[in-house]
Amino acid sequence: MHPAIPQLMELQRLDQSIAALRTDLEGLPKKMKEADATLTGSRAAVTSAKEKLTRGQTDRKKLELDVEQWKDRAKKYRSQTASVKTNEAYKALLHETANAEAEAAKAEDLVLEKMMAIEESERLLKHAEANLKEDEYRLSAVKKQIEAQFADEKKKWHDAVAERAAVAVKIPENLLILYGQIQRRHPTTALAEVRDNMCRGCGMRVLPHTVQLLTNDTDEEVFRCEMCGRILYSLEPIPHATPRENESGAATSGSASS
């Protein structure tokens, strides 16, 4: 296995870490916006509830004014009945009085309905305000956590980028270029482990001769998968030669002297 393979493996590990940190960093502003959107929605609910309550109170005042006006009309018509001189005029005043009283009663019913609606609006406003207060407290903590996480992961990202640069300078330029070319096709997985005679990147079977060379510490060739093109490596232990034993069981390192 080529002696630079361990550095390439470390480079890949750092690239995977950098990619994961970048994904997290890109996702945190979205979470912050979601928290702000929740607060905006809660504030809008409070504003809407207040506006509905204000409209209800305004409508109630108008209806109460209508009640007073119709009652005043009925009182006026009733007072005029004493001064009329004909039955037709008297009947007409009675009719107007009854009509005014009926309209006053209708307006009073509407006032009662409006009062019930106002009570419901007040309940909804209190509920919306309680939700807003809870969201402000909860999301304030969430936003602080997001800000702290962003600062922490940004530092980790900078550290990983610096560490990657330090590892990259130890790798031969031709291998670094090859690694970059493969990585464009297989982001963060330019290398693949060979296990059970198979490329773990794509599942392609690797020739036994290639597997043997990958576990040979004297071989400096770079092997690539024939299917996916990834640089292959093996984590299998490199075998060492076992000393021969003589007939008596003792290990020998060479021919015995006479």
C-alpha atoms as a PDB file:
ATOM      1  CA  MET A   1       0.000   0.000   0.000  1.00  0.00           C
ATOM      2  CA  HIS A   2       1.317   3.437  -0.902  1.00  0.00           C
ATOM      3  CA  PRO A   3       2.843   5.183   2.143  1.00  0.00           C
ATOM      4  CA  ALA A   4       0.708   8.306   1.504  1.00  0.00           C
ATOM      5  CA  ILE A   5      -2.550   6.368   1.879  1.00  0.00           C
ATOM      6  CA  PRO A   6      -2.784   7.042   5.661  1.00  0.00           C
ATOM      7  CA  GLN A   7      -2.490  10.792   4.973  1.00  0.00           C
ATOM      8  CA  LEU A   8      -5.171  10.514   2.276  1.00  0.00           C
ATOM      9  CA  MET A   9      -7.392   8.650   4.727  1.00  0.00           C
ATOM     10  CA  GLU A  10      -6.884  11.437   7.268  1.00  0.00           C
ATOM     11  CA  LEU A  11      -7.603  14.012   4.560  1.00  0.00           C
ATOM     12  CA  GLN A  12     -10.855  12.229   3.737  1.00  0.00           C
ATOM     13  CA  ARG A  13     -11.817  12.087   7.403  1.00  0.00           C
ATOM     14  CA  LEU A  14     -11.256  15.837   7.691  1.00  0.00           C
ATOM     15  CA  ASP A  15     -13.195  16.505   4.481  1.00  0.00           C
ATOM     16  CA  GLN A  16     -16.129  14.516   5.847  1.00  0.00           C
ATOM     17  CA  SER A  17     -15.948  16.464   9.097  1.00  0.00           C
ATOM     18  CA  ILE A  18     -15.740  19.791   7.227  1.00  0.00           C
ATOM     19  CA  ALA A  19     -18.719  18.835   5.037  1.00  0.00           C
ATOM     20  CA  ALA A  20     -20.799  17.863   8.083  1.00  0.00           C
ATOM     21  CA  LEU A  21     -19.896  21.098   9.869  1.00  0.00           C
ATOM     22  CA  ARG A  22     -20.723  23.116   6.742  1.00  0.00           C
ATOM     23  CA  THR A  23     -24.140  21.446   6.549  1.00  0.00           C
ATOM     24  CA  ASP A  24     -24.784  22.257  10.200  1.00  0.00           C
ATOM     25  CA  LEU A  25     -23.636  25.856   9.764  1.00  0.00           C
ATOM     26  CA  GLU A  26     -25.887  26.312   6.740  1.00  0.00           C
ATOM     27  CA  GLY A  27     -28.841  24.834   8.651  1.00  0.00           C
ATOM     28  CA  LEU A  28     -28.518  26.975  11.783  1.00  0.00           C
ATOM     29  CA  PRO A  29     -29.608  30.282  10.142  1.00  0.00           C
ATOM     30  CA  LYS A  30     -32.710  28.431   8.894  1.00  0.00           C
ATOM     31  CA  LYS A  31     -33.481  27.358  12.467  1.00  0.00           C
ATOM     32  CA  MET A  32     -33.016  30.969  13.585  1.00  0.00           C
ATOM     33  CA  LYS A  33     -35.465  32.136  10.906  1.00  0.00           C
ATOM     34  CA  GLU A  34     -37.950  29.472  11.999  1.00  0.00           C
ATOM     35  CA  ALA A  35     -37.723  30.746  15.584  1.00  0.00           C
ATOM     36  CA  ASP A  36     -38.258  34.333  14.380  1.00  0.00           C
ATOM     37  CA  ALA A  37     -41.198  33.197  12.241  1.00  0.00           C
ATOM     38  CA  THR A  38     -42.793  31.525  15.264  1.00  0.00           C
ATOM     39  CA  LEU A  39     -42.427  34.746  17.261  1.00  0.00           C
ATOM     40  CA  THR A  40     -43.817  36.780  14.365  1.00  0.00           C
ATOM     41  CA  GLY A  41     -46.815  34.458  14.209  1.00  0.00           C
ATOM     42  CA  SER A  42     -47.409  34.732  17.958  1.00  0.00           C
ATOM     43  CA  ARG A  43     -47.177  38.535  17.834  1.00  0.00           C
ATOM     44  CA  ALA A  44     -49.545  38.622  14.860  1.00  0.00           C
ATOM     45  CA  ALA A  45     -52.035  36.496  16.821  1.00  0.00           C
ATOM     46  CA  VAL A  46     -51.931  39.005  19.695  1.00  0.00           C
ATOM     47  CA  THR A  47     -52.355  41.949  17.303  1.00  0.00           C
ATOM     48  CA  SER A  48     -55.298  40.243  15.583  1.00  0.00           C
ATOM     49  CA  ALA A  49     -56.951  39.440  18.930  1.00  0.00           C
ATOM     50  CA  LYS A  50     -56.556  43.056  20.083  1.00  0.00           C
ATOM     51  CA  GLU A  51     -58.023  44.381  16.847  1.00  0.00           C
ATOM     52  CA  LYS A  52     -60.988  42.021  17.116  1.00  0.00           C
ATOM     53  CA  LEU A  53     -61.583  43.092  20.719  1.00  0.00           C
ATOM     54  CA  THR A  54     -61.394  46.779  19.754  1.00  0.00           C
ATOM     55  CA  ARG A  55     -63.883  46.271  16.903  1.00  0.00           C
ATOM     56  CA  GLY A  56     -66.227  44.434  19.252  1.00  0.00           C
ATOM     57  CA  GLN A  57     -66.071  47.221  21.843  1.00  0.00           C
ATOM     58  CA  THR A  58     -66.686  49.847  19.148  1.00  0.00           C
ATOM     59  CA  ASP A  59     -69.672  47.913  17.779  1.00  0.00           C
ATOM     60  CA  ARG A  60     -71.062  47.533  21.290  1.00  0.00           C
ATOM     61  CA  LYS A  61     -70.933  51.304  21.873  1.00  0.00           C
ATOM     62  CA  LYS A  62     -72.746  51.933  18.591  1.00  0.00           C
ATOM     63  CA  LEU A  63     -75.422  49.388  19.489  1.00  0.00           C
ATOM     64  CA  GLU A  64     -75.841  50.917  22.969  1.00  0.00           C
ATOM     65  CA  LEU A  65     -76.254  54.302  21.298  1.00  0.00           C
ATOM     66  CA  ASP A  66     -78.918  52.806  19.014  1.00  0.00           C
ATOM     67  CA  VAL A  67     -80.749  51.443  22.076  1.00  0.00           C
ATOM     68  CA  GLU A  68     -80.793  54.886  23.669  1.00  0.00           C
ATOM     69  CA  GLN A  69     -81.949  56.547  20.458  1.00  0.00           C
ATOM     70  CA  TRP A  70     -84.808  54.088  19.947  1.00  0.00           C
ATOM     71  CA  LYS A  71     -85.848  54.434  23.597  1.00  0.00           C
ATOM     72  CA  ASP A  72     -85.768  58.212  23.247  1.00  0.00           C
ATOM     73  CA  ARG A  73     -87.995  57.961  20.175  1.00  0.00           C
ATOM     74  CA  ALA A  74     -90.432  55.687  21.968  1.00  0.00           C
ATOM     75  CA  LYS A  75     -90.546  58.097  24.916  1.00  0.00           C
ATOM     76  CA  LYS A  76     -91.075  61.031  22.560  1.00  0.00           C
ATOM     77  CA  TYR A  77     -93.924  59.304  20.702  1.00  0.00           C
ATOM     78  CA  ARG A  78     -95.528  58.244  23.978  1.00  0.00           C
ATOM     79  CA  SER A  79     -95.439  61.791  25.318  1.00  0.00           C
ATOM     80  CA  GLN A  80     -97.100  63.088  22.133  1.00  0.00           C
ATOM     81  CA  THR A  81    -100.151  60.834  22.493  1.00  0.00           C
ATOM     82  CA  ALA A  82    -101.599  63.127  25.172  1.00  0.00           C
ATOM     83  CA  SER A  83    -101.773  66.095  22.794  1.00  0.00           C
ATOM     84  CA  VAL A  84    -103.261  64.486  19.668  1.00  0.00           C
ATOM     85  CA  LYS A  85    -106.874  65.199  18.828  1.00  0.00           C
ATOM     86  CA  THR A  86    -107.814  62.395  16.431  1.00  0.00           C
ATOM     87  CA  ASN A  87    -107.907  58.603  16.740  1.00  0.00           C
ATOM     88  CA  GLU A  88    -105.870  58.225  13.544  1.00  0.00           C
ATOM     89  CA  ALA A  89    -103.060  60.364  14.942  1.00  0.00           C
ATOM     90  CA  TYR A  90    -103.249  58.549  18.279  1.00  0.00           C
ATOM     91  CA  LYS A  91    -103.048  55.132  16.577  1.00  0.00           C
ATOM     92  CA  ALA A  92    -100.164  56.333  14.432  1.00  0.00           C
ATOM     93  CA  LEU A  93     -98.213  57.439  17.513  1.00  0.00           C
ATOM     94  CA  LEU A  94     -98.916  54.139  19.243  1.00  0.00           C
ATOM     95  CA  HIS A  95     -97.635  52.313  16.178  1.00  0.00           C
ATOM     96  CA  GLU A  96     -94.455  54.411  16.082  1.00  0.00           C
ATOM     97  CA  THR A  97     -93.985  53.906  19.826  1.00  0.00           C
ATOM     98  CA  ALA A  98     -94.344  50.127  19.496  1.00  0.00           C
ATOM     99  CA  ASN A  99     -91.969  50.087  16.528  1.00  0.00           C
ATOM    100  CA  ALA A 100     -89.359  52.151  18.415  1.00  0.00           C
ATOM    101  CA  GLU A 101     -89.637  49.883  21.448  1.00  0.00           C
ATOM    102  CA  ALA A 102     -89.264  46.804  19.234  1.00  0.00           C
ATOM    103  CA  GLU A 103     -86.156  48.265  17.584  1.00  0.00           C
ATOM    104  CA  ALA A 104     -84.770  49.141  21.021  1.00  0.00           C
ATOM    105  CA  ALA A 105     -85.353  45.526  22.151  1.00  0.00           C
ATOM    106  CA  LYS A 106     -83.586  44.201  19.030  1.00  0.00           C
ATOM    107  CA  ALA A 107     -80.654  46.509  19.652  1.00  0.00           C
ATOM    108  CA  GLU A 108     -80.469  45.369  23.291  1.00  0.00           C
ATOM    109  CA  ASP A 109     -80.335  41.722  22.127  1.00  0.00           C
ATOM    110  CA  LEU A 110     -77.512  42.622  19.791  1.00  0.00           C
ATOM    111  CA  VAL A 111     -75.731  44.376  22.669  1.00  0.00           C
ATOM    112  CA  LEU A 112     -75.941  41.167  24.729  1.00  0.00           C
ATOM    113  CA  GLU A 113     -74.611  39.124  21.824  1.00  0.00           C
ATOM    114  CA  LYS A 114     -71.799  41.598  21.336  1.00  0.00           C
ATOM    115  CA  MET A 115     -70.952  41.492  25.050  1.00  0.00           C
ATOM    116  CA  MET A 116     -70.633  37.699  24.855  1.00  0.00           C
ATOM    117  CA  ALA A 117     -68.451  38.056  21.764  1.00  0.00           C
ATOM    118  CA  ILE A 118     -66.280  40.613  23.590  1.00  0.00           C
ATOM    119  CA  GLU A 119     -65.844  38.223  26.508  1.00  0.00           C
ATOM    120  CA  GLU A 120     -64.705  35.541  24.063  1.00  0.00           C
ATOM    121  CA  SER A 121     -62.338  38.039  22.387  1.00  0.00           C
ATOM    122  CA  GLU A 122     -60.884  38.941  25.780  1.00  0.00           C
ATOM    123  CA  ARG A 123     -60.346  35.244  26.524  1.00  0.00           C
ATOM    124  CA  LEU A 124     -58.657  34.715  23.166  1.00  0.00           C
ATOM    125  CA  LEU A 125     -56.469  37.783  23.699  1.00  0.00           C
ATOM    126  CA  LYS A 126     -55.310  36.518  27.087  1.00  0.00           C
ATOM    127  CA  HIS A 127     -54.565  33.136  25.538  1.00  0.00           C
ATOM    128  CA  ALA A 128     -52.620  34.733  22.657  1.00  0.00           C
ATOM    129  CA  GLU A 129     -50.654  36.942  25.063  1.00  0.00           C
ATOM    130  CA  ALA A 130     -49.825  33.930  27.244  1.00  0.00           C
ATOM    131  CA  ASN A 131     -48.649  32.000  24.163  1.00  0.00           C
ATOM    132  CA  LEU A 132     -46.524  34.959  23.068  1.00  0.00           C
ATOM    133  CA  LYS A 133     -44.914  35.261  26.481  1.00  0.00           C
ATOM    134  CA  GLU A 134     -44.179  31.526  26.541  1.00  0.00           C
ATOM    135  CA  ASP A 135     -42.769  31.601  22.986  1.00  0.00           C
ATOM    136  CA  GLU A 136     -40.598  34.644  23.769  1.00  0.00           C
ATOM    137  CA  TYR A 137     -39.140  32.909  26.824  1.00  0.00           C
ATOM    138  CA  ARG A 138     -38.656  29.552  25.092  1.00  0.00           C
ATOM    139  CA  LEU A 139     -37.345  30.889  21.778  1.00  0.00           C
ATOM    140  CA  SER A 140     -34.991  33.317  23.497  1.00  0.00           C
ATOM    141  CA  ALA A 141     -33.244  30.293  24.998  1.00  0.00           C
ATOM    142  CA  VAL A 142     -33.394  28.465  21.661  1.00  0.00           C
ATOM    143  CA  LYS A 143     -31.842  31.398  19.783  1.00  0.00           C
ATOM    144  CA  LYS A 144     -29.053  31.715  22.364  1.00  0.00           C
ATOM    145  CA  GLN A 145     -28.364  27.994  21.970  1.00  0.00           C
ATOM    146  CA  ILE A 146     -28.297  28.338  18.169  1.00  0.00           C
ATOM    147  CA  GLU A 147     -25.901  31.296  18.397  1.00  0.00           C
ATOM    148  CA  ALA A 148     -23.602  29.370  20.750  1.00  0.00           C
ATOM    149  CA  GLN A 149     -23.742  26.286  18.514  1.00  0.00           C
ATOM    150  CA  PHE A 150     -22.983  28.412  15.444  1.00  0.00           C
ATOM    151  CA  ALA A 151     -19.925  29.971  17.115  1.00  0.00           C
ATOM    152  CA  ASP A 152     -18.703  26.567  18.338  1.00  0.00           C
ATOM    153  CA  GLU A 153     -19.156  24.797  14.991  1.00  0.00           C
ATOM    154  CA  LYS A 154     -17.639  27.715  13.072  1.00  0.00           C
ATOM    155  CA  LYS A 155     -14.512  27.397  15.252  1.00  0.00           C
ATOM    156  CA  LYS A 156     -14.449  23.642  14.660  1.00  0.00           C
ATOM    157  CA  TRP A 157     -14.811  24.272  10.919  1.00  0.00           C
ATOM    158  CA  HIS A 158     -11.872  26.719  10.890  1.00  0.00           C
ATOM    159  CA  ASP A 159      -9.773  24.281  12.957  1.00  0.00           C
ATOM    160  CA  ALA A 160     -10.612  21.388  10.612  1.00  0.00           C
ATOM    161  CA  VAL A 161      -9.764  23.487   7.539  1.00  0.00           C
ATOM    162  CA  ALA A 162      -6.409  24.437   9.071  1.00  0.00           C
ATOM    163  CA  GLU A 163      -5.715  20.816  10.017  1.00  0.00           C
ATOM    164  CA  ARG A 164      -6.626  19.709   6.483  1.00  0.00           C
ATOM    165  CA  ALA A 165      -4.135  22.178   5.028  1.00  0.00           C
ATOM    166  CA  ALA A 166      -1.447  20.803   7.316  1.00  0.00           C
ATOM    167  CA  VAL A 167      -2.186  17.223   6.212  1.00  0.00           C
ATOM    168  CA  ALA A 168      -2.451  18.129   2.503  1.00  0.00           C
ATOM    169  CA  VAL A 169       1.129  19.498   2.360  1.00  0.00           C
ATOM    170  CA  LYS A 170       2.447  16.059   3.367  1.00  0.00           C
ATOM    171  CA  ILE A 171       0.807  14.340   0.382  1.00  0.00           C
ATOM    172  CA  PRO A 172       2.522  14.149  -3.028  1.00  0.00           C
ATOM    173  CA  GLU A 173       1.004  16.627  -5.467  1.00  0.00           C
ATOM    174  CA  ASN A 174       0.029  13.997  -8.038  1.00  0.00           C
ATOM    175  CA  LEU A 175      -1.942  12.049  -5.412  1.00  0.00           C
ATOM    176  CA  LEU A 176      -3.539  15.223  -4.133  1.00  0.00           C
ATOM    177  CA  ILE A 177      -4.692  16.084  -7.664  1.00  0.00           C
ATOM    178  CA  LEU A 178      -6.015  12.534  -8.167  1.00  0.00           C
ATOM    179  CA  TYR A 179      -7.829  12.702  -4.834  1.00  0.00           C
ATOM    180  CA  GLY A 180      -9.490  15.984  -5.855  1.00  0.00           C
ATOM    181  CA  GLN A 181     -10.555  14.575  -9.224  1.00  0.00           C
ATOM    182  CA  ILE A 182     -12.165  11.519  -7.641  1.00  0.00           C
ATOM    183  CA  GLN A 183     -13.767  13.625  -4.933  1.00  0.00           C
ATOM    184  CA  ARG A 184     -15.626  15.665  -7.568  1.00  0.00           C
ATOM    185  CA  ARG A 185     -17.397  12.450  -8.543  1.00  0.00           C
ATOM    186  CA  HIS A 186     -17.642  11.006  -5.044  1.00  0.00           C
ATOM    187  CA  PRO A 187     -17.768  13.933  -2.556  1.00  0.00           C
ATOM    188  CA  THR A 188     -15.983  13.104   0.736  1.00  0.00           C
ATOM    189  CA  THR A 189     -15.496   9.430  -0.320  1.00  0.00           C
ATOM    190  CA  ALA A 190     -12.563   9.446  -2.723  1.00  0.00           C
ATOM    191  CA  LEU A 191     -11.107   6.456  -0.844  1.00  0.00           C
ATOM    192  CA  ALA A 192     -12.813   3.142  -0.175  1.00  0.00           C
ATOM    193  CA  GLU A 193     -11.863   0.324   2.158  1.00  0.00           C
ATOM    194  CA  VAL A 194     -11.393  -3.167   0.789  1.00  0.00           C
ATOM    195  CA  ARG A 195     -13.049  -5.667   3.098  1.00  0.00           C
ATOM    196  CA  ASP A 196     -13.891  -9.300   2.374  1.00  0.00           C
ATOM    197  CA  ASN A 197     -12.298  -8.787  -1.070  1.00  0.00           C
ATOM    198  CA  MET A 198     -14.890  -6.135  -1.943  1.00  0.00           C
ATOM    199  CA  CYS A 199     -14.789  -2.376  -2.494  1.00  0.00           C
ATOM    200  CA  ARG A 200     -16.930  -0.917   0.281  1.00  0.00           C
ATOM    201  CA  GLY A 201     -17.624   2.110  -1.902  1.00  0.00           C
ATOM    202  CA  CYS A 202     -19.557   0.331  -4.661  1.00  0.00           C
ATOM    203  CA  GLY A 203     -19.520  -3.393  -3.818  1.00  0.00           C
ATOM    204  CA  MET A 204     -17.270  -4.393  -6.718  1.00  0.00           C
ATOM    205  CA  ARG A 205     -15.130  -7.494  -6.124  1.00  0.00           C
ATOM    206  CA  VAL A 206     -11.392  -6.761  -5.902  1.00  0.00           C
ATOM    207  CA  LEU A 207      -8.846  -9.153  -7.375  1.00  0.00           C
ATOM    208  CA  PRO A 208      -7.034 -11.265  -4.720  1.00  0.00           C
ATOM    209  CA  HIS A 209      -3.678 -10.138  -6.100  1.00  0.00           C
ATOM    210  CA  THR A 210      -4.671  -6.492  -5.536  1.00  0.00           C
ATOM    211  CA  VAL A 211      -5.850  -7.265  -2.000  1.00  0.00           C
ATOM    212  CA  GLN A 212      -2.513  -8.943  -1.297  1.00  0.00           C
ATOM    213  CA  LEU A 213      -0.567  -5.930  -2.533  1.00  0.00           C
ATOM    214  CA  LEU A 214      -2.737  -3.567  -0.440  1.00  0.00           C
ATOM    215  CA  THR A 215      -1.547  -5.391   2.674  1.00  0.00           C
ATOM    216  CA  ASN A 216       2.097  -5.350   1.585  1.00  0.00           C
ATOM    217  CA  ASP A 217       4.094  -2.658   3.366  1.00  0.00           C
ATOM    218  CA  THR A 218       6.771  -2.653   0.646  1.00  0.00           C
ATOM    219  CA  ASP A 219       4.408  -1.948  -2.267  1.00  0.00           C
ATOM    220  CA  GLU A 220       4.056   1.732  -3.200  1.00  0.00           C
ATOM    221  CA  GLU A 221       1.464   1.423  -5.942  1.00  0.00           C
ATOM    222  CA  VAL A 222      -1.896   3.206  -5.779  1.00  0.00           C
ATOM    223  CA  PHE A 223      -4.816   0.931  -6.624  1.00  0.00           C
ATOM    224  CA  ARG A 224      -8.235   2.113  -7.745  1.00  0.00           C
ATOM    225  CA  CYS A 225     -11.551   0.307  -7.946  1.00  0.00           C
ATOM    226  CA  GLU A 226     -12.279  -0.773 -11.514  1.00  0.00           C
ATOM    227  CA  MET A 227     -15.961   0.092 -11.091  1.00  0.00           C
ATOM    228  CA  CYS A 228     -16.173   3.374  -9.123  1.00  0.00           C
ATOM    229  CA  GLY A 229     -12.584   4.635  -9.515  1.00  0.00           C
ATOM    230  CA  ARG A 230     -12.043   5.215  -5.790  1.00  0.00           C
ATOM    231  CA  ILE A 231      -8.584   4.826  -4.288  1.00  0.00           C
ATOM    232  CA  LEU A 232      -8.498   1.534  -2.421  1.00  0.00           C
ATOM    233  CA  TYR A 233      -7.006   0.828   0.991  1.00  0.00           C
ATOM    234  CA  SER A 234      -7.091  -2.015   3.458  1.00  0.00           C
ATOM    235  CA  LEU A 235      -7.231  -2.011   7.228  1.00  0.00           C
ATOM    236  CA  GLU A 236      -6.262  -5.666   7.407  1.00  0.00           C
ATOM    237  CA  PRO A 237      -3.046  -6.261   9.397  1.00  0.00           C
ATOM    238  CA  ILE A 238       0.081  -6.533   7.246  1.00  0.00           C
ATOM    239  CA  PRO A 239       1.443 -10.094   7.504  1.00  0.00           C
ATOM    240  CA  HIS A 240       5.035 -10.616   8.595  1.00  0.00           C
ATOM    241  CA  ALA A 241       7.247 -13.574   7.719  1.00  0.00           C
ATOM    242  CA  THR A 242       7.238 -16.336  10.353  1.00  0.00           C
ATOM    243  CA  PRO A 243      10.677 -17.814  11.273  1.00  0.00           C
ATOM    244  CA  ARG A 244      11.166 -21.451  10.200  1.00  0.00           C
ATOM    245  CA  GLU A 245      11.591 -24.064  12.867  1.00  0.00           C
ATOM    246  CA  ASN A 246      14.102 -26.951  12.781  1.00  0.00           C
ATOM    247  CA  GLU A 247      13.216 -30.524  13.541  1.00  0.00           C
ATOM    248  CA  SER A 248      13.839 -30.021  17.263  1.00  0.00           C
ATOM    249  CA  GLY A 249      11.357 -27.141  17.330  1.00  0.00           C
ATOM    250  CA  ALA A 250      13.951 -24.351  17.673  1.00  0.00           C
ATOM    251  CA  ALA A 251      13.584 -21.278  15.448  1.00  0.00           C
ATOM    252  CA  THR A 252      16.360 -20.794  12.888  1.00  0.00           C
ATOM    253  CA  SER A 253      17.480 -17.594  11.283  1.00  0.00           C
ATOM    254  CA  GLY A 254      19.863 -19.138   8.774  1.00  0.00           C
ATOM    255  CA  SER A 255      22.062 -22.196   8.082  1.00  0.00           C
ATOM    256  CA  ALA A 256      23.913 -23.708  11.057  1.00  0.00           C
ATOM    257  CA  SER A 257      27.707 -23.412  11.172  1.00  0.00           C
ATOM    258  CA  SER A 258      29.697 -26.680  10.946  1.00  0.00           C
END
